[in-house]
Each structure stands twice: as C-alpha cells, then as structure tokens.
Amino acid sequence: MANKSTDPFPFFNPGKEQTEAMVGMQRELLEAYEDASHAWVARIKSEVDLWSHLAGKLAAIRSPSEAMQAYQECVAQRMQMAAEDGRRLADDCQKIMGKIGHSFSHGWPRTGRS
C-alpha cells in the first residue's frame, strides 16, 4: 500500500478533501461556462438584429448606390463584431484556463505532500 506522503498518483485515491476540491472546481467551471454561454446568446441576438436591420434598409432602398452603402455599413459593423468575438473567445478561454490553473496550484489539497 502506498504511503500518502509519497503517493505519486493522489488522484487515484481521492479522499474527502480531494472530492470537495474536484466538486468546487467543477462548480467554478460550470459558472464560467454559463457566463460565457449567456454572452454568446446575446451575441447571436445582435447578429440577427444586424441582418434584420439590413433587410429593412434594403426594402426601402431605391438605388444601387444606396444598396452598396447599406451593404458596406453592414459589413463594416460585422467585421467589428468578428473582432469583438475573437477578443471575447480569448477572454473566455483565459478565464476557464485560469480557473483550472488556480484549482491545481492553490485550491487542490496536497494529500500530505509539500
């Protein structure tokens, strides 16, 4: 039987502290995923609003130059949204990885090892 202080694989022998730490980490990750999910749902709504607004503009347009201007404005706004999507995705990934890293470096019980 392995000594707890020298056990190289403490994850295979979870005790109460380790179980609580794993549940806590899963709870934090679930909260982070939920926050990200709400932000992405709002983002999808803004995408629908963008294209619906363009459709409304196109219905009222009377010349090709007005149509081009409407498309240019819409594409410019969509490009800006894509850049924001990239930043949001990077931020979400960073938050999640930070929670995982924090759990392993600070919150995870050491099972008697230093």
N, C-alpha and C. Protein backbone atom coordinates (compact mmCIF):
# COMPACT_ATOMS: atom_id res chain seq x y z
N MET A 1 0.85 -1.19 0.00
CA MET A 1 0.00 0.00 0.00
C MET A 1 0.88 1.23 0.00
N ALA A 2 0.60 2.19 -0.79
CA ALA A 2 1.43 3.39 -0.94
C ALA A 2 1.22 4.33 0.23
N ASN A 3 2.29 4.94 0.67
CA ASN A 3 2.25 5.95 1.72
C ASN A 3 1.68 7.23 1.12
N LYS A 4 0.75 7.88 1.84
CA LYS A 4 0.12 9.10 1.30
C LYS A 4 1.13 10.18 0.96
N SER A 5 2.16 10.34 1.75
CA SER A 5 3.11 11.42 1.52
C SER A 5 3.99 11.17 0.31
N THR A 6 4.11 9.90 -0.12
CA THR A 6 4.95 9.60 -1.28
C THR A 6 4.14 9.08 -2.46
N ASP A 7 2.83 9.08 -2.35
CA ASP A 7 1.97 8.58 -3.41
C ASP A 7 2.08 9.49 -4.63
N PRO A 8 2.65 8.99 -5.75
CA PRO A 8 2.81 9.85 -6.93
C PRO A 8 1.50 10.10 -7.67
N PHE A 9 0.46 9.36 -7.36
CA PHE A 9 -0.82 9.49 -8.04
C PHE A 9 -1.96 9.70 -7.04
N PRO A 10 -1.99 10.87 -6.39
CA PRO A 10 -3.03 11.08 -5.38
C PRO A 10 -4.43 11.15 -5.98
N PHE A 11 -4.54 11.37 -7.28
CA PHE A 11 -5.87 11.46 -7.91
C PHE A 11 -6.57 10.10 -7.91
N PHE A 12 -5.79 9.02 -7.81
CA PHE A 12 -6.39 7.69 -7.82
C PHE A 12 -6.89 7.28 -6.45
N ASN A 13 -6.58 8.04 -5.43
CA ASN A 13 -7.02 7.76 -4.07
C ASN A 13 -7.72 8.99 -3.49
N PRO A 14 -8.82 9.41 -4.10
CA PRO A 14 -9.44 10.65 -3.62
C PRO A 14 -10.07 10.46 -2.25
N GLY A 15 -9.77 11.39 -1.38
CA GLY A 15 -10.39 11.43 -0.08
C GLY A 15 -11.42 12.54 -0.06
N LYS A 16 -11.89 12.85 1.12
CA LYS A 16 -12.93 13.87 1.23
C LYS A 16 -12.43 15.23 0.73
N GLU A 17 -11.21 15.62 1.10
CA GLU A 17 -10.68 16.93 0.66
C GLU A 17 -10.55 17.00 -0.85
N GLN A 18 -10.03 15.91 -1.44
CA GLN A 18 -9.86 15.90 -2.89
C GLN A 18 -11.22 15.94 -3.60
N THR A 19 -12.18 15.19 -3.06
CA THR A 19 -13.51 15.17 -3.67
C THR A 19 -14.15 16.55 -3.60
N GLU A 20 -14.04 17.20 -2.44
CA GLU A 20 -14.59 18.55 -2.30
C GLU A 20 -13.90 19.53 -3.25
N ALA A 21 -12.58 19.37 -3.40
CA ALA A 21 -11.84 20.25 -4.31
C ALA A 21 -12.28 20.03 -5.76
N MET A 22 -12.49 18.77 -6.14
CA MET A 22 -12.93 18.47 -7.51
C MET A 22 -14.33 19.04 -7.75
N VAL A 23 -15.23 18.88 -6.79
CA VAL A 23 -16.58 19.41 -6.92
C VAL A 23 -16.54 20.94 -7.01
N GLY A 24 -15.69 21.56 -6.20
CA GLY A 24 -15.55 23.02 -6.24
C GLY A 24 -15.03 23.49 -7.58
N MET A 25 -14.04 22.78 -8.12
CA MET A 25 -13.50 23.16 -9.42
C MET A 25 -14.57 23.00 -10.49
N GLN A 26 -15.33 21.91 -10.45
CA GLN A 26 -16.38 21.70 -11.43
C GLN A 26 -17.45 22.78 -11.32
N ARG A 27 -17.78 23.21 -10.10
CA ARG A 27 -18.76 24.27 -9.91
C ARG A 27 -18.26 25.58 -10.51
N GLU A 28 -17.00 25.91 -10.26
CA GLU A 28 -16.44 27.14 -10.82
C GLU A 28 -16.41 27.10 -12.34
N LEU A 29 -16.05 25.94 -12.89
CA LEU A 29 -16.02 25.81 -14.35
C LEU A 29 -17.42 25.92 -14.93
N LEU A 30 -18.39 25.30 -14.28
CA LEU A 30 -19.76 25.39 -14.76
C LEU A 30 -20.25 26.84 -14.75
N GLU A 31 -19.91 27.60 -13.72
CA GLU A 31 -20.28 29.02 -13.66
C GLU A 31 -19.62 29.80 -14.78
N ALA A 32 -18.35 29.51 -15.05
CA ALA A 32 -17.64 30.20 -16.14
C ALA A 32 -18.27 29.86 -17.49
N TYR A 33 -18.61 28.59 -17.69
CA TYR A 33 -19.26 28.18 -18.94
C TYR A 33 -20.62 28.86 -19.08
N GLU A 34 -21.36 28.94 -17.99
CA GLU A 34 -22.67 29.57 -18.02
C GLU A 34 -22.57 31.06 -18.36
N ASP A 35 -21.60 31.74 -17.76
CA ASP A 35 -21.39 33.16 -18.08
C ASP A 35 -21.07 33.34 -19.56
N ALA A 36 -20.18 32.49 -20.06
CA ALA A 36 -19.80 32.57 -21.47
C ALA A 36 -21.01 32.28 -22.36
N SER A 37 -21.80 31.31 -21.97
CA SER A 37 -22.98 30.95 -22.75
C SER A 37 -23.95 32.12 -22.86
N HIS A 38 -24.19 32.81 -21.75
CA HIS A 38 -25.10 33.97 -21.79
C HIS A 38 -24.56 35.05 -22.72
N ALA A 39 -23.27 35.28 -22.67
CA ALA A 39 -22.67 36.31 -23.53
C ALA A 39 -22.80 35.92 -25.00
N TRP A 40 -22.61 34.64 -25.32
CA TRP A 40 -22.70 34.21 -26.71
C TRP A 40 -24.15 34.22 -27.22
N VAL A 41 -25.10 33.93 -26.35
CA VAL A 41 -26.51 34.02 -26.77
C VAL A 41 -26.86 35.48 -27.10
N ALA A 42 -26.38 36.40 -26.27
CA ALA A 42 -26.61 37.82 -26.55
C ALA A 42 -25.94 38.22 -27.87
N ARG A 43 -24.78 37.64 -28.13
CA ARG A 43 -24.05 37.93 -29.36
C ARG A 43 -24.82 37.43 -30.58
N ILE A 44 -25.41 36.26 -30.47
CA ILE A 44 -26.22 35.72 -31.58
C ILE A 44 -27.40 36.64 -31.85
N LYS A 45 -28.02 37.13 -30.80
CA LYS A 45 -29.15 38.05 -30.96
C LYS A 45 -28.71 39.31 -31.70
N SER A 46 -27.53 39.82 -31.36
CA SER A 46 -27.04 41.02 -32.05
C SER A 46 -26.77 40.74 -33.52
N GLU A 47 -26.35 39.52 -33.84
CA GLU A 47 -26.13 39.14 -35.25
C GLU A 47 -27.46 39.12 -36.00
N VAL A 48 -28.47 38.55 -35.39
CA VAL A 48 -29.80 38.52 -36.01
C VAL A 48 -30.31 39.95 -36.21
N ASP A 49 -30.13 40.79 -35.20
CA ASP A 49 -30.57 42.19 -35.31
C ASP A 49 -29.85 42.92 -36.44
N LEU A 50 -28.56 42.66 -36.59
CA LEU A 50 -27.78 43.30 -37.66
C LEU A 50 -28.35 42.97 -39.03
N TRP A 51 -28.57 41.69 -39.29
CA TRP A 51 -29.04 41.29 -40.61
C TRP A 51 -30.50 41.68 -40.82
N SER A 52 -31.30 41.67 -39.77
CA SER A 52 -32.70 42.11 -39.89
C SER A 52 -32.75 43.60 -40.23
N HIS A 53 -31.86 44.37 -39.61
CA HIS A 53 -31.80 45.80 -39.90
C HIS A 53 -31.40 46.04 -41.35
N LEU A 54 -30.44 45.25 -41.85
CA LEU A 54 -30.03 45.38 -43.25
C LEU A 54 -31.21 45.04 -44.17
N ALA A 55 -31.94 43.99 -43.86
CA ALA A 55 -33.08 43.62 -44.69
C ALA A 55 -34.11 44.75 -44.73
N GLY A 56 -34.34 45.40 -43.61
CA GLY A 56 -35.27 46.53 -43.57
C GLY A 56 -34.78 47.69 -44.41
N LYS A 57 -33.47 47.96 -44.33
CA LYS A 57 -32.90 49.04 -45.15
C LYS A 57 -33.03 48.73 -46.64
N LEU A 58 -32.72 47.49 -47.01
CA LEU A 58 -32.76 47.12 -48.42
C LEU A 58 -34.17 47.21 -48.99
N ALA A 59 -35.15 46.95 -48.17
CA ALA A 59 -36.53 47.04 -48.64
C ALA A 59 -36.92 48.47 -48.99
N ALA A 60 -36.26 49.44 -48.37
CA ALA A 60 -36.61 50.85 -48.61
C ALA A 60 -35.67 51.53 -49.60
N ILE A 61 -34.67 50.84 -50.08
CA ILE A 61 -33.66 51.44 -50.97
C ILE A 61 -34.20 51.57 -52.39
N ARG A 62 -33.79 52.68 -53.02
CA ARG A 62 -34.28 52.97 -54.37
C ARG A 62 -33.18 53.01 -55.43
N SER A 63 -31.91 52.92 -55.00
CA SER A 63 -30.85 52.99 -55.99
C SER A 63 -29.73 52.00 -55.63
N PRO A 64 -28.97 51.60 -56.65
CA PRO A 64 -27.85 50.68 -56.40
C PRO A 64 -26.80 51.29 -55.46
N SER A 65 -26.58 52.60 -55.55
CA SER A 65 -25.57 53.22 -54.68
C SER A 65 -26.02 53.18 -53.22
N GLU A 66 -27.31 53.35 -52.97
CA GLU A 66 -27.82 53.24 -51.60
C GLU A 66 -27.66 51.80 -51.09
N ALA A 67 -27.90 50.84 -51.97
CA ALA A 67 -27.74 49.43 -51.59
C ALA A 67 -26.29 49.12 -51.24
N MET A 68 -25.36 49.63 -52.06
CA MET A 68 -23.94 49.41 -51.78
C MET A 68 -23.54 50.03 -50.45
N GLN A 69 -24.03 51.22 -50.19
CA GLN A 69 -23.71 51.89 -48.94
C GLN A 69 -24.25 51.09 -47.75
N ALA A 70 -25.47 50.58 -47.87
CA ALA A 70 -26.07 49.78 -46.79
C ALA A 70 -25.25 48.51 -46.56
N TYR A 71 -24.86 47.85 -47.64
CA TYR A 71 -24.03 46.64 -47.52
C TYR A 71 -22.68 46.97 -46.89
N GLN A 72 -22.04 48.05 -47.31
CA GLN A 72 -20.74 48.43 -46.76
C GLN A 72 -20.83 48.70 -45.26
N GLU A 73 -21.87 49.40 -44.86
CA GLU A 73 -22.05 49.69 -43.44
C GLU A 73 -22.27 48.40 -42.64
N CYS A 74 -23.06 47.52 -43.20
CA CYS A 74 -23.35 46.26 -42.53
C CYS A 74 -22.08 45.40 -42.42
N VAL A 75 -21.34 45.31 -43.50
CA VAL A 75 -20.11 44.51 -43.49
C VAL A 75 -19.09 45.11 -42.53
N ALA A 76 -18.98 46.42 -42.49
CA ALA A 76 -18.05 47.07 -41.55
C ALA A 76 -18.44 46.76 -40.10
N GLN A 77 -19.72 46.81 -39.84
CA GLN A 77 -20.19 46.50 -38.49
C GLN A 77 -19.95 45.02 -38.17
N ARG A 78 -20.16 44.16 -39.15
CA ARG A 78 -19.94 42.72 -38.95
C ARG A 78 -18.47 42.43 -38.71
N MET A 79 -17.59 43.13 -39.38
CA MET A 79 -16.15 42.96 -39.17
C MET A 79 -15.77 43.36 -37.74
N GLN A 80 -16.34 44.44 -37.27
CA GLN A 80 -16.10 44.88 -35.90
C GLN A 80 -16.61 43.83 -34.91
N MET A 81 -17.77 43.27 -35.21
CA MET A 81 -18.32 42.23 -34.34
C MET A 81 -17.43 40.99 -34.33
N ALA A 82 -16.85 40.65 -35.48
CA ALA A 82 -15.95 39.50 -35.56
C ALA A 82 -14.70 39.72 -34.70
N ALA A 83 -14.17 40.93 -34.74
CA ALA A 83 -13.01 41.25 -33.90
C ALA A 83 -13.37 41.13 -32.41
N GLU A 84 -14.56 41.63 -32.06
CA GLU A 84 -15.01 41.52 -30.67
C GLU A 84 -15.23 40.06 -30.29
N ASP A 85 -15.71 39.25 -31.24
CA ASP A 85 -15.90 37.82 -30.98
C ASP A 85 -14.56 37.16 -30.64
N GLY A 86 -13.54 37.51 -31.40
CA GLY A 86 -12.21 36.95 -31.14
C GLY A 86 -11.70 37.32 -29.75
N ARG A 87 -11.88 38.58 -29.38
CA ARG A 87 -11.46 39.01 -28.04
C ARG A 87 -12.27 38.29 -26.97
N ARG A 88 -13.57 38.17 -27.17
CA ARG A 88 -14.44 37.51 -26.19
C ARG A 88 -14.04 36.04 -26.05
N LEU A 89 -13.79 35.38 -27.17
CA LEU A 89 -13.40 33.98 -27.13
C LEU A 89 -12.07 33.81 -26.37
N ALA A 90 -11.11 34.67 -26.66
CA ALA A 90 -9.83 34.61 -25.95
C ALA A 90 -10.02 34.86 -24.45
N ASP A 91 -10.86 35.83 -24.11
CA ASP A 91 -11.13 36.12 -22.70
C ASP A 91 -11.80 34.95 -22.01
N ASP A 92 -12.79 34.35 -22.68
CA ASP A 92 -13.49 33.20 -22.09
C ASP A 92 -12.53 32.04 -21.86
N CYS A 93 -11.70 31.75 -22.85
CA CYS A 93 -10.72 30.67 -22.70
C CYS A 93 -9.73 30.97 -21.58
N GLN A 94 -9.30 32.21 -21.50
CA GLN A 94 -8.36 32.60 -20.46
C GLN A 94 -8.99 32.45 -19.07
N LYS A 95 -10.26 32.84 -18.92
CA LYS A 95 -10.94 32.70 -17.64
C LYS A 95 -11.04 31.24 -17.23
N ILE A 96 -11.42 30.40 -18.18
CA ILE A 96 -11.58 28.98 -17.88
C ILE A 96 -10.24 28.34 -17.53
N MET A 97 -9.23 28.63 -18.33
CA MET A 97 -7.90 28.07 -18.04
C MET A 97 -7.36 28.61 -16.71
N GLY A 98 -7.68 29.87 -16.40
CA GLY A 98 -7.26 30.44 -15.13
C GLY A 98 -7.90 29.72 -13.96
N LYS A 99 -9.17 29.38 -14.09
CA LYS A 99 -9.85 28.65 -13.01
C LYS A 99 -9.26 27.26 -12.83
N ILE A 100 -8.96 26.60 -13.94
CA ILE A 100 -8.34 25.27 -13.86
C ILE A 100 -6.96 25.38 -13.23
N GLY A 101 -6.17 26.33 -13.71
CA GLY A 101 -4.83 26.52 -13.16
C GLY A 101 -4.85 26.89 -11.70
N HIS A 102 -5.77 27.76 -11.32
CA HIS A 102 -5.89 28.16 -9.91
C HIS A 102 -6.24 26.97 -9.03
N SER A 103 -7.14 26.13 -9.52
CA SER A 103 -7.53 24.95 -8.74
C SER A 103 -6.36 24.01 -8.52
N PHE A 104 -5.55 23.82 -9.53
CA PHE A 104 -4.42 22.90 -9.39
C PHE A 104 -3.27 23.51 -8.59
N SER A 105 -3.11 24.82 -8.67
CA SER A 105 -1.96 25.41 -7.99
C SER A 105 -2.27 25.91 -6.58
N HIS A 106 -3.52 26.28 -6.30
CA HIS A 106 -3.83 26.85 -4.99
C HIS A 106 -4.89 26.08 -4.20
N GLY A 107 -5.91 25.65 -4.88
CA GLY A 107 -7.04 25.10 -4.16
C GLY A 107 -7.04 23.59 -4.03
N TRP A 108 -6.15 22.90 -4.70
CA TRP A 108 -6.17 21.46 -4.68
C TRP A 108 -5.43 20.93 -3.46
N PRO A 109 -6.06 20.10 -2.65
CA PRO A 109 -5.36 19.54 -1.49
C PRO A 109 -4.12 18.77 -1.89
N ARG A 110 -3.09 18.88 -1.10
CA ARG A 110 -1.81 18.28 -1.44
C ARG A 110 -1.63 16.86 -0.92
N THR A 111 -2.57 16.32 -0.20
CA THR A 111 -2.53 14.98 0.36
C THR A 111 -1.24 14.70 1.12
N GLY A 112 -0.83 15.68 1.93
CA GLY A 112 0.34 15.49 2.79
C GLY A 112 1.65 15.80 2.13
N ARG A 113 1.68 16.05 0.84
CA ARG A 113 2.93 16.39 0.15
C ARG A 113 3.11 17.89 0.15
N SER A 114 4.32 18.36 0.11
CA SER A 114 4.57 19.80 0.06
C SER A 114 4.87 20.28 -1.31
